[in-house]
Amino acid sequence: MRSERLIWAGLVVVVLLAGWLVGHSLDPVDEKDTPEATAFRAWFWERRTLDLLAQVGLLFAGALGVAALLPSREELDNTDSLNGDNHVPLA
């Protein structure tokens, strides 16, 4: 079990290092300050609506995912009656 974790940790480190190297090789430092790149950054920073909508959508999707994982009230009531638990629900 320990050797399997060590292999996975090594694999994660290798993948992260490879991604970092590829990212630096594809984004040279000299081209960062071109007028086109600066203009896009300024335009995107001024118009944050798309970013805001993406964040709201991600929050909503996360809430739906958590709600889907939790059991419904009917499922909870059915399991309690099968177990013989006779208690009064709070709400």
PDB file of N, CA and C in Angstrom:
ATOM      1  N   MET A   1       0.820  -1.191   0.000  1.00  0.00           N
ATOM      2  CA  MET A   1       0.000   0.000   0.000  1.00  0.00           C
ATOM      3  C   MET A   1       0.869   1.262   0.000  1.00  0.00           C
ATOM      4  N   ARG A   2       1.947   1.232   0.765  1.00  0.00           N
ATOM      5  CA  ARG A   2       2.833   2.393   0.840  1.00  0.00           C
ATOM      6  C   ARG A   2       3.534   2.637  -0.488  1.00  0.00           C
ATOM      7  N   SER A   3       3.942   1.560  -1.154  1.00  0.00           N
ATOM      8  CA  SER A   3       4.622   1.742  -2.437  1.00  0.00           C
ATOM      9  C   SER A   3       3.654   2.277  -3.494  1.00  0.00           C
ATOM     10  N   GLU A   4       2.388   1.904  -3.392  1.00  0.00           N
ATOM     11  CA  GLU A   4       1.399   2.417  -4.343  1.00  0.00           C
ATOM     12  C   GLU A   4       1.206   3.924  -4.158  1.00  0.00           C
ATOM     13  N   ARG A   5       1.168   4.371  -2.918  1.00  0.00           N
ATOM     14  CA  ARG A   5       1.047   5.810  -2.659  1.00  0.00           C
ATOM     15  C   ARG A   5       2.274   6.564  -3.144  1.00  0.00           C
ATOM     16  N   LEU A   6       3.428   5.964  -2.970  1.00  0.00           N
ATOM     17  CA  LEU A   6       4.666   6.593  -3.422  1.00  0.00           C
ATOM     18  C   LEU A   6       4.675   6.719  -4.951  1.00  0.00           C
ATOM     19  N   ILE A   7       4.188   5.713  -5.625  1.00  0.00           N
ATOM     20  CA  ILE A   7       4.106   5.765  -7.088  1.00  0.00           C
ATOM     21  C   ILE A   7       3.147   6.862  -7.522  1.00  0.00           C
ATOM     22  N   TRP A   8       1.971   6.950  -6.860  1.00  0.00           N
ATOM     23  CA  TRP A   8       0.999   7.991  -7.219  1.00  0.00           C
ATOM     24  C   TRP A   8       1.548   9.389  -6.940  1.00  0.00           C
ATOM     25  N   ALA A   9       2.231   9.549  -5.826  1.00  0.00           N
ATOM     26  CA  ALA A   9       2.813  10.852  -5.503  1.00  0.00           C
ATOM     27  C   ALA A   9       3.879  11.238  -6.532  1.00  0.00           C
ATOM     28  N   GLY A  10       4.698  10.281  -6.917  1.00  0.00           N
ATOM     29  CA  GLY A  10       5.702  10.546  -7.941  1.00  0.00           C
ATOM     30  C   GLY A  10       5.072  10.899  -9.274  1.00  0.00           C
ATOM     31  N   LEU A  11       3.993  10.212  -9.620  1.00  0.00           N
ATOM     32  CA  LEU A  11       3.292  10.501 -10.865  1.00  0.00           C
ATOM     33  C   LEU A  11       2.701  11.907 -10.854  1.00  0.00           C
ATOM     34  N   VAL A  12       2.132  12.304  -9.735  1.00  0.00           N
ATOM     35  CA  VAL A  12       1.564  13.653  -9.622  1.00  0.00           C
ATOM     36  C   VAL A  12       2.661  14.706  -9.763  1.00  0.00           C
ATOM     37  N   VAL A  13       3.796  14.481  -9.119  1.00  0.00           N
ATOM     38  CA  VAL A  13       4.906  15.436  -9.217  1.00  0.00           C
ATOM     39  C   VAL A  13       5.409  15.535 -10.654  1.00  0.00           C
ATOM     40  N   VAL A  14       5.524  14.412 -11.329  1.00  0.00           N
ATOM     41  CA  VAL A  14       5.999  14.411 -12.719  1.00  0.00           C
ATOM     42  C   VAL A  14       5.014  15.148 -13.620  1.00  0.00           C
ATOM     43  N   VAL A  15       3.719  14.908 -13.443  1.00  0.00           N
ATOM     44  CA  VAL A  15       2.712  15.571 -14.279  1.00  0.00           C
ATOM     45  C   VAL A  15       2.713  17.075 -14.014  1.00  0.00           C
ATOM     46  N   LEU A  16       2.799  17.483 -12.753  1.00  0.00           N
ATOM     47  CA  LEU A  16       2.845  18.918 -12.446  1.00  0.00           C
ATOM     48  C   LEU A  16       4.097  19.579 -13.012  1.00  0.00           C
ATOM     49  N   LEU A  17       5.228  18.912 -12.902  1.00  0.00           N
ATOM     50  CA  LEU A  17       6.466  19.456 -13.440  1.00  0.00           C
ATOM     51  C   LEU A  17       6.399  19.561 -14.969  1.00  0.00           C
ATOM     52  N   ALA A  18       5.843  18.553 -15.611  1.00  0.00           N
ATOM     53  CA  ALA A  18       5.704  18.593 -17.071  1.00  0.00           C
ATOM     54  C   ALA A  18       4.773  19.723 -17.495  1.00  0.00           C
ATOM     55  N   GLY A  19       3.670  19.896 -16.788  1.00  0.00           N
ATOM     56  CA  GLY A  19       2.752  20.991 -17.100  1.00  0.00           C
ATOM     57  C   GLY A  19       3.387  22.351 -16.917  1.00  0.00           C
ATOM     58  N   TRP A  20       4.184  22.493 -15.863  1.00  0.00           N
ATOM     59  CA  TRP A  20       4.868  23.762 -15.620  1.00  0.00           C
ATOM     60  C   TRP A  20       5.868  24.053 -16.737  1.00  0.00           C
ATOM     61  N   LEU A  21       6.616  23.038 -17.147  1.00  0.00           N
ATOM     62  CA  LEU A  21       7.603  23.228 -18.219  1.00  0.00           C
ATOM     63  C   LEU A  21       6.927  23.553 -19.548  1.00  0.00           C
ATOM     64  N   VAL A  22       5.852  22.863 -19.867  1.00  0.00           N
ATOM     65  CA  VAL A  22       5.129  23.144 -21.115  1.00  0.00           C
ATOM     66  C   VAL A  22       4.546  24.546 -21.064  1.00  0.00           C
ATOM     67  N   GLY A  23       3.987  24.930 -19.933  1.00  0.00           N
ATOM     68  CA  GLY A  23       3.418  26.275 -19.801  1.00  0.00           C
ATOM     69  C   GLY A  23       4.448  27.364 -20.001  1.00  0.00           C
ATOM     70  N   HIS A  24       5.630  27.180 -19.467  1.00  0.00           N
ATOM     71  CA  HIS A  24       6.679  28.181 -19.647  1.00  0.00           C
ATOM     72  C   HIS A  24       7.244  28.181 -21.059  1.00  0.00           C
ATOM     73  N   SER A  25       7.247  27.045 -21.709  1.00  0.00           N
ATOM     74  CA  SER A  25       7.778  27.022 -23.074  1.00  0.00           C
ATOM     75  C   SER A  25       6.787  27.606 -24.075  1.00  0.00           C
ATOM     76  N   LEU A  26       5.498  27.527 -23.801  1.00  0.00           N
ATOM     77  CA  LEU A  26       4.497  28.071 -24.716  1.00  0.00           C
ATOM     78  C   LEU A  26       4.202  29.545 -24.486  1.00  0.00           C
ATOM     79  N   ASP A  27       4.616  30.096 -23.366  1.00  0.00           N
ATOM     80  CA  ASP A  27       4.342  31.493 -23.037  1.00  0.00           C
ATOM     81  C   ASP A  27       5.656  32.232 -22.791  1.00  0.00           C
ATOM     82  N   PRO A  28       6.342  32.591 -23.858  1.00  0.00           N
ATOM     83  CA  PRO A  28       7.614  33.290 -23.678  1.00  0.00           C
ATOM     84  C   PRO A  28       7.410  34.653 -23.000  1.00  0.00           C
ATOM     85  N   VAL A  29       8.389  35.075 -22.239  1.00  0.00           N
ATOM     86  CA  VAL A  29       8.292  36.315 -21.478  1.00  0.00           C
ATOM     87  C   VAL A  29       8.302  37.531 -22.407  1.00  0.00           C
ATOM     88  N   ASP A  30       8.992  37.452 -23.517  1.00  0.00           N
ATOM     89  CA  ASP A  30       9.111  38.606 -24.419  1.00  0.00           C
ATOM     90  C   ASP A  30       7.783  38.996 -25.041  1.00  0.00           C
ATOM     91  N   GLU A  31       6.893  38.050 -25.270  1.00  0.00           N
ATOM     92  CA  GLU A  31       5.636  38.352 -25.951  1.00  0.00           C
ATOM     93  C   GLU A  31       4.518  38.770 -25.012  1.00  0.00           C
ATOM     94  N   LYS A  32       4.750  38.814 -23.712  1.00  0.00           N
ATOM     95  CA  LYS A  32       3.689  39.176 -22.780  1.00  0.00           C
ATOM     96  C   LYS A  32       3.292  40.641 -22.881  1.00  0.00           C
ATOM     97  N   ASP A  33       4.189  41.499 -23.243  1.00  0.00           N
ATOM     98  CA  ASP A  33       3.907  42.926 -23.232  1.00  0.00           C
ATOM     99  C   ASP A  33       3.572  43.483 -24.611  1.00  0.00           C
ATOM    100  N   THR A  34       3.081  42.656 -25.501  1.00  0.00           N
ATOM    101  CA  THR A  34       2.662  43.155 -26.806  1.00  0.00           C
ATOM    102  C   THR A  34       1.373  43.950 -26.646  1.00  0.00           C
ATOM    103  N   PRO A  35       1.108  44.888 -27.514  1.00  0.00           N
ATOM    104  CA  PRO A  35      -0.113  45.699 -27.392  1.00  0.00           C
ATOM    105  C   PRO A  35      -1.390  44.858 -27.475  1.00  0.00           C
ATOM    106  N   GLU A  36      -1.375  43.776 -28.277  1.00  0.00           N
ATOM    107  CA  GLU A  36      -2.582  42.952 -28.399  1.00  0.00           C
ATOM    108  C   GLU A  36      -2.901  42.265 -27.078  1.00  0.00           C
ATOM    109  N   ALA A  37      -1.884  41.730 -26.426  1.00  0.00           N
ATOM    110  CA  ALA A  37      -2.099  41.044 -25.150  1.00  0.00           C
ATOM    111  C   ALA A  37      -2.550  42.028 -24.082  1.00  0.00           C
ATOM    112  N   THR A  38      -1.972  43.205 -24.054  1.00  0.00           N
ATOM    113  CA  THR A  38      -2.353  44.198 -23.062  1.00  0.00           C
ATOM    114  C   THR A  38      -3.769  44.688 -23.310  1.00  0.00           C
ATOM    115  N   ALA A  39      -4.131  44.868 -24.568  1.00  0.00           N
ATOM    116  CA  ALA A  39      -5.474  45.332 -24.895  1.00  0.00           C
ATOM    117  C   ALA A  39      -6.516  44.287 -24.493  1.00  0.00           C
ATOM    118  N   PHE A  40      -6.244  43.006 -24.721  1.00  0.00           N
ATOM    119  CA  PHE A  40      -7.197  41.969 -24.335  1.00  0.00           C
ATOM    120  C   PHE A  40      -7.340  41.908 -22.821  1.00  0.00           C
ATOM    121  N   ARG A  41      -6.236  42.009 -22.114  1.00  0.00           N
ATOM    122  CA  ARG A  41      -6.300  41.978 -20.654  1.00  0.00           C
ATOM    123  C   ARG A  41      -7.142  43.144 -20.123  1.00  0.00           C
ATOM    124  N   ALA A  42      -6.938  44.328 -20.681  1.00  0.00           N
ATOM    125  CA  ALA A  42      -7.709  45.495 -20.235  1.00  0.00           C
ATOM    126  C   ALA A  42      -9.191  45.308 -20.559  1.00  0.00           C
ATOM    127  N   TRP A  43      -9.503  44.813 -21.754  1.00  0.00           N
ATOM    128  CA  TRP A  43     -10.897  44.594 -22.144  1.00  0.00           C
ATOM    129  C   TRP A  43     -11.557  43.563 -21.245  1.00  0.00           C
ATOM    130  N   PHE A  44     -10.867  42.465 -20.974  1.00  0.00           N
ATOM    131  CA  PHE A  44     -11.442  41.401 -20.165  1.00  0.00           C
ATOM    132  C   PHE A  44     -11.604  41.837 -18.711  1.00  0.00           C
ATOM    133  N   TRP A  45     -10.689  42.652 -18.206  1.00  0.00           N
ATOM    134  CA  TRP A  45     -10.775  43.105 -16.825  1.00  0.00           C
ATOM    135  C   TRP A  45     -11.933  44.084 -16.649  1.00  0.00           C
ATOM    136  N   GLU A  46     -12.203  44.899 -17.650  1.00  0.00           N
ATOM    137  CA  GLU A  46     -13.290  45.870 -17.553  1.00  0.00           C
ATOM    138  C   GLU A  46     -14.653  45.219 -17.675  1.00  0.00           C
ATOM    139  N   ARG A  47     -14.760  44.128 -18.381  1.00  0.00           N
ATOM    140  CA  ARG A  47     -16.036  43.450 -18.592  1.00  0.00           C
ATOM    141  C   ARG A  47     -16.025  42.133 -17.825  1.00  0.00           C
ATOM    142  N   ARG A  48     -16.480  42.177 -16.590  1.00  0.00           N
ATOM    143  CA  ARG A  48     -16.418  41.017 -15.715  1.00  0.00           C
ATOM    144  C   ARG A  48     -17.712  40.201 -15.716  1.00  0.00           C
ATOM    145  N   THR A  49     -18.655  40.513 -16.595  1.00  0.00           N
ATOM    146  CA  THR A  49     -19.941  39.833 -16.592  1.00  0.00           C
ATOM    147  C   THR A  49     -19.783  38.350 -16.886  1.00  0.00           C
ATOM    148  N   LEU A  50     -18.979  38.003 -17.863  1.00  0.00           N
ATOM    149  CA  LEU A  50     -18.784  36.595 -18.211  1.00  0.00           C
ATOM    150  C   LEU A  50     -18.166  35.826 -17.051  1.00  0.00           C
ATOM    151  N   ASP A  51     -17.203  36.424 -16.384  1.00  0.00           N
ATOM    152  CA  ASP A  51     -16.573  35.794 -15.232  1.00  0.00           C
ATOM    153  C   ASP A  51     -17.582  35.595 -14.103  1.00  0.00           C
ATOM    154  N   LEU A  52     -18.392  36.600 -13.855  1.00  0.00           N
ATOM    155  CA  LEU A  52     -19.403  36.518 -12.801  1.00  0.00           C
ATOM    156  C   LEU A  52     -20.430  35.445 -13.111  1.00  0.00           C
ATOM    157  N   LEU A  53     -20.892  35.370 -14.343  1.00  0.00           N
ATOM    158  CA  LEU A  53     -21.870  34.340 -14.726  1.00  0.00           C
ATOM    159  C   LEU A  53     -21.282  32.939 -14.596  1.00  0.00           C
ATOM    160  N   ALA A  54     -20.019  32.779 -14.943  1.00  0.00           N
ATOM    161  CA  ALA A  54     -19.375  31.466 -14.808  1.00  0.00           C
ATOM    162  C   ALA A  54     -19.282  31.059 -13.340  1.00  0.00           C
ATOM    163  N   GLN A  55     -18.963  31.997 -12.466  1.00  0.00           N
ATOM    164  CA  GLN A  55     -18.870  31.686 -11.044  1.00  0.00           C
ATOM    165  C   GLN A  55     -20.232  31.334 -10.457  1.00  0.00           C
ATOM    166  N   VAL A  56     -21.261  32.056 -10.832  1.00  0.00           N
ATOM    167  CA  VAL A  56     -22.616  31.754 -10.351  1.00  0.00           C
ATOM    168  C   VAL A  56     -23.048  30.381 -10.843  1.00  0.00           C
ATOM    169  N   GLY A  57     -22.751  30.068 -12.095  1.00  0.00           N
ATOM    170  CA  GLY A  57     -23.095  28.754 -12.630  1.00  0.00           C
ATOM    171  C   GLY A  57     -22.375  27.626 -11.905  1.00  0.00           C
ATOM    172  N   LEU A  58     -21.105  27.831 -11.596  1.00  0.00           N
ATOM    173  CA  LEU A  58     -20.356  26.809 -10.854  1.00  0.00           C
ATOM    174  C   LEU A  58     -20.897  26.617  -9.447  1.00  0.00           C
ATOM    175  N   LEU A  59     -21.255  27.694  -8.780  1.00  0.00           N
ATOM    176  CA  LEU A  59     -21.851  27.580  -7.447  1.00  0.00           C
ATOM    177  C   LEU A  59     -23.183  26.832  -7.499  1.00  0.00           C
ATOM    178  N   PHE A  60     -24.004  27.153  -8.478  1.00  0.00           N
ATOM    179  CA  PHE A  60     -25.295  26.489  -8.626  1.00  0.00           C
ATOM    180  C   PHE A  60     -25.120  25.003  -8.929  1.00  0.00           C
ATOM    181  N   ALA A  61     -24.181  24.680  -9.800  1.00  0.00           N
ATOM    182  CA  ALA A  61     -23.919  23.274 -10.123  1.00  0.00           C
ATOM    183  C   ALA A  61     -23.392  22.519  -8.901  1.00  0.00           C
ATOM    184  N   GLY A  62     -22.564  23.160  -8.107  1.00  0.00           N
ATOM    185  CA  GLY A  62     -22.065  22.524  -6.886  1.00  0.00           C
ATOM    186  C   GLY A  62     -23.175  22.281  -5.883  1.00  0.00           C
ATOM    187  N   ALA A  63     -24.075  23.252  -5.730  1.00  0.00           N
ATOM    188  CA  ALA A  63     -25.199  23.078  -4.811  1.00  0.00           C
ATOM    189  C   ALA A  63     -26.112  21.956  -5.271  1.00  0.00           C
ATOM    190  N   LEU A  64     -26.360  21.874  -6.570  1.00  0.00           N
ATOM    191  CA  LEU A  64     -27.186  20.779  -7.089  1.00  0.00           C
ATOM    192  C   LEU A  64     -26.507  19.435  -6.905  1.00  0.00           C
ATOM    193  N   GLY A  65     -25.195  19.401  -7.050  1.00  0.00           N
ATOM    194  CA  GLY A  65     -24.464  18.152  -6.843  1.00  0.00           C
ATOM    195  C   GLY A  65     -24.535  17.675  -5.410  1.00  0.00           C
ATOM    196  N   VAL A  66     -24.419  18.588  -4.465  1.00  0.00           N
ATOM    197  CA  VAL A  66     -24.533  18.214  -3.055  1.00  0.00           C
ATOM    198  C   VAL A  66     -25.952  17.768  -2.743  1.00  0.00           C
ATOM    199  N   ALA A  67     -26.948  18.469  -3.283  1.00  0.00           N
ATOM    200  CA  ALA A  67     -28.341  18.086  -3.051  1.00  0.00           C
ATOM    201  C   ALA A  67     -28.644  16.714  -3.647  1.00  0.00           C
ATOM    202  N   ALA A  68     -28.019  16.378  -4.756  1.00  0.00           N
ATOM    203  CA  ALA A  68     -28.245  15.074  -5.367  1.00  0.00           C
ATOM    204  C   ALA A  68     -27.623  13.954  -4.546  1.00  0.00           C
ATOM    205  N   LEU A  69     -26.558  14.242  -3.831  1.00  0.00           N
ATOM    206  CA  LEU A  69     -25.905  13.221  -3.011  1.00  0.00           C
ATOM    207  C   LEU A  69     -26.643  12.947  -1.708  1.00  0.00           C
ATOM    208  N   LEU A  70     -27.335  13.938  -1.187  1.00  0.00           N
ATOM    209  CA  LEU A  70     -28.044  13.772   0.074  1.00  0.00           C
ATOM    210  C   LEU A  70     -29.341  13.000  -0.147  1.00  0.00           C
ATOM    211  N   PRO A  71     -29.757  12.186   0.820  1.00  0.00           N
ATOM    212  CA  PRO A  71     -31.013  11.446   0.669  1.00  0.00           C
ATOM    213  C   PRO A  71     -32.213  12.382   0.815  1.00  0.00           C
ATOM    214  N   SER A  72     -33.299  12.036   0.146  1.00  0.00           N
ATOM    215  CA  SER A  72     -34.509  12.856   0.231  1.00  0.00           C
ATOM    216  C   SER A  72     -35.242  12.546   1.533  1.00  0.00           C
ATOM    217  N   ARG A  73     -36.233  13.356   1.848  1.00  0.00           N
ATOM    218  CA  ARG A  73     -36.997  13.143   3.086  1.00  0.00           C
ATOM    219  C   ARG A  73     -37.762  11.822   3.027  1.00  0.00           C
ATOM    220  N   GLU A  74     -38.287  11.464   1.847  1.00  0.00           N
ATOM    221  CA  GLU A  74     -39.022  10.206   1.711  1.00  0.00           C
ATOM    222  C   GLU A  74     -38.118   9.009   1.982  1.00  0.00           C
ATOM    223  N   GLU A  75     -36.889   9.082   1.491  1.00  0.00           N
ATOM    224  CA  GLU A  75     -35.953   7.991   1.726  1.00  0.00           C
ATOM    225  C   GLU A  75     -35.622   7.868   3.206  1.00  0.00           C
ATOM    226  N   LEU A  76     -35.477   8.997   3.866  1.00  0.00           N
ATOM    227  CA  LEU A  76     -35.199   8.967   5.297  1.00  0.00           C
ATOM    228  C   LEU A  76     -36.377   8.398   6.072  1.00  0.00           C
ATOM    229  N   ASP A  77     -37.611   8.787   5.703  1.00  0.00           N
ATOM    230  CA  ASP A  77     -38.801   8.280   6.386  1.00  0.00           C
ATOM    231  C   ASP A  77     -38.966   6.785   6.170  1.00  0.00           C
ATOM    232  N   ASN A  78     -38.678   6.303   4.956  1.00  0.00           N
ATOM    233  CA  ASN A  78     -38.818   4.873   4.663  1.00  0.00           C
ATOM    234  C   ASN A  78     -37.800   4.041   5.436  1.00  0.00           C
ATOM    235  N   THR A  79     -36.590   4.509   5.560  1.00  0.00           N
ATOM    236  CA  THR A  79     -35.582   3.729   6.285  1.00  0.00           C
ATOM    237  C   THR A  79     -35.880   3.722   7.776  1.00  0.00           C
ATOM    238  N   ASP A  80     -36.436   4.814   8.323  1.00  0.00           N
ATOM    239  CA  ASP A  80     -36.778   4.845   9.741  1.00  0.00           C
ATOM    240  C   ASP A  80     -37.907   3.879  10.050  1.00  0.00           C
ATOM    241  N   SER A  81     -38.914   3.814   9.181  1.00  0.00           N
ATOM    242  CA  SER A  81     -40.033   2.907   9.447  1.00  0.00           C
ATOM    243  C   SER A  81     -39.610   1.454   9.276  1.00  0.00           C
ATOM    244  N   LEU A  82     -38.665   1.179   8.400  1.00  0.00           N
ATOM    245  CA  LEU A  82     -38.187  -0.192   8.242  1.00  0.00           C
ATOM    246  C   LEU A  82     -37.366  -0.640   9.436  1.00  0.00           C
ATOM    247  N   ASN A  83     -36.657   0.274  10.059  1.00  0.00           N
ATOM    248  CA  ASN A  83     -35.821  -0.057  11.204  1.00  0.00           C
ATOM    249  C   ASN A  83     -36.610  -0.143  12.493  1.00  0.00           C
ATOM    250  N   GLY A  84     -37.845   0.295  12.482  1.00  0.00           N
ATOM    251  CA  GLY A  84     -38.655   0.264  13.690  1.00  0.00           C
ATOM    252  C   GLY A  84     -38.457   1.462  14.584  1.00  0.00           C
ATOM    253  N   ASP A  85     -37.826   2.491  14.082  1.00  0.00           N
ATOM    254  CA  ASP A  85     -37.648   3.697  14.879  1.00  0.00           C
ATOM    255  C   ASP A  85     -38.932   4.508  14.830  1.00  0.00           C
ATOM    256  N   ASN A  86     -39.528   4.717  15.959  1.00  0.00           N
ATOM    257  CA  ASN A  86     -40.767   5.505  16.040  1.00  0.00           C
ATOM    258  C   ASN A  86     -40.462   6.797  16.769  1.00  0.00           C
ATOM    259  N   HIS A  87     -40.001   7.765  16.036  1.00  0.00           N
ATOM    260  CA  HIS A  87     -39.726   9.063  16.639  1.00  0.00           C
ATOM    261  C   HIS A  87     -40.504  10.127  15.891  1.00  0.00           C
ATOM    262  N   VAL A  88     -40.701  11.237  16.550  1.00  0.00           N
ATOM    263  CA  VAL A  88     -41.442  12.342  15.959  1.00  0.00           C
ATOM    264  C   VAL A  88     -40.458  13.232  15.216  1.00  0.00           C
ATOM    265  N   PRO A  89     -40.711  13.507  13.916  1.00  0.00           N
ATOM    266  CA  PRO A  89     -39.807  14.398  13.169  1.00  0.00           C
ATOM    267  C   PRO A  89     -39.887  15.824  13.712  1.00  0.00           C
ATOM    268  N   LEU A  90     -38.764  16.511  13.643  1.00  0.00           N
ATOM    269  CA  LEU A  90     -38.692  17.860  14.184  1.00  0.00           C
ATOM    270  C   LEU A  90     -39.390  18.883  13.304  1.00  0.00           C
ATOM    271  N   ALA A  91     -39.316  18.720  11.987  1.00  0.00           N
ATOM    272  CA  ALA A  91     -39.930  19.730  11.121  1.00  0.00           C
ATOM    273  C   ALA A  91     -40.694  19.107  10.010  1.00  0.00           C
TER     274      ALA A  91
END
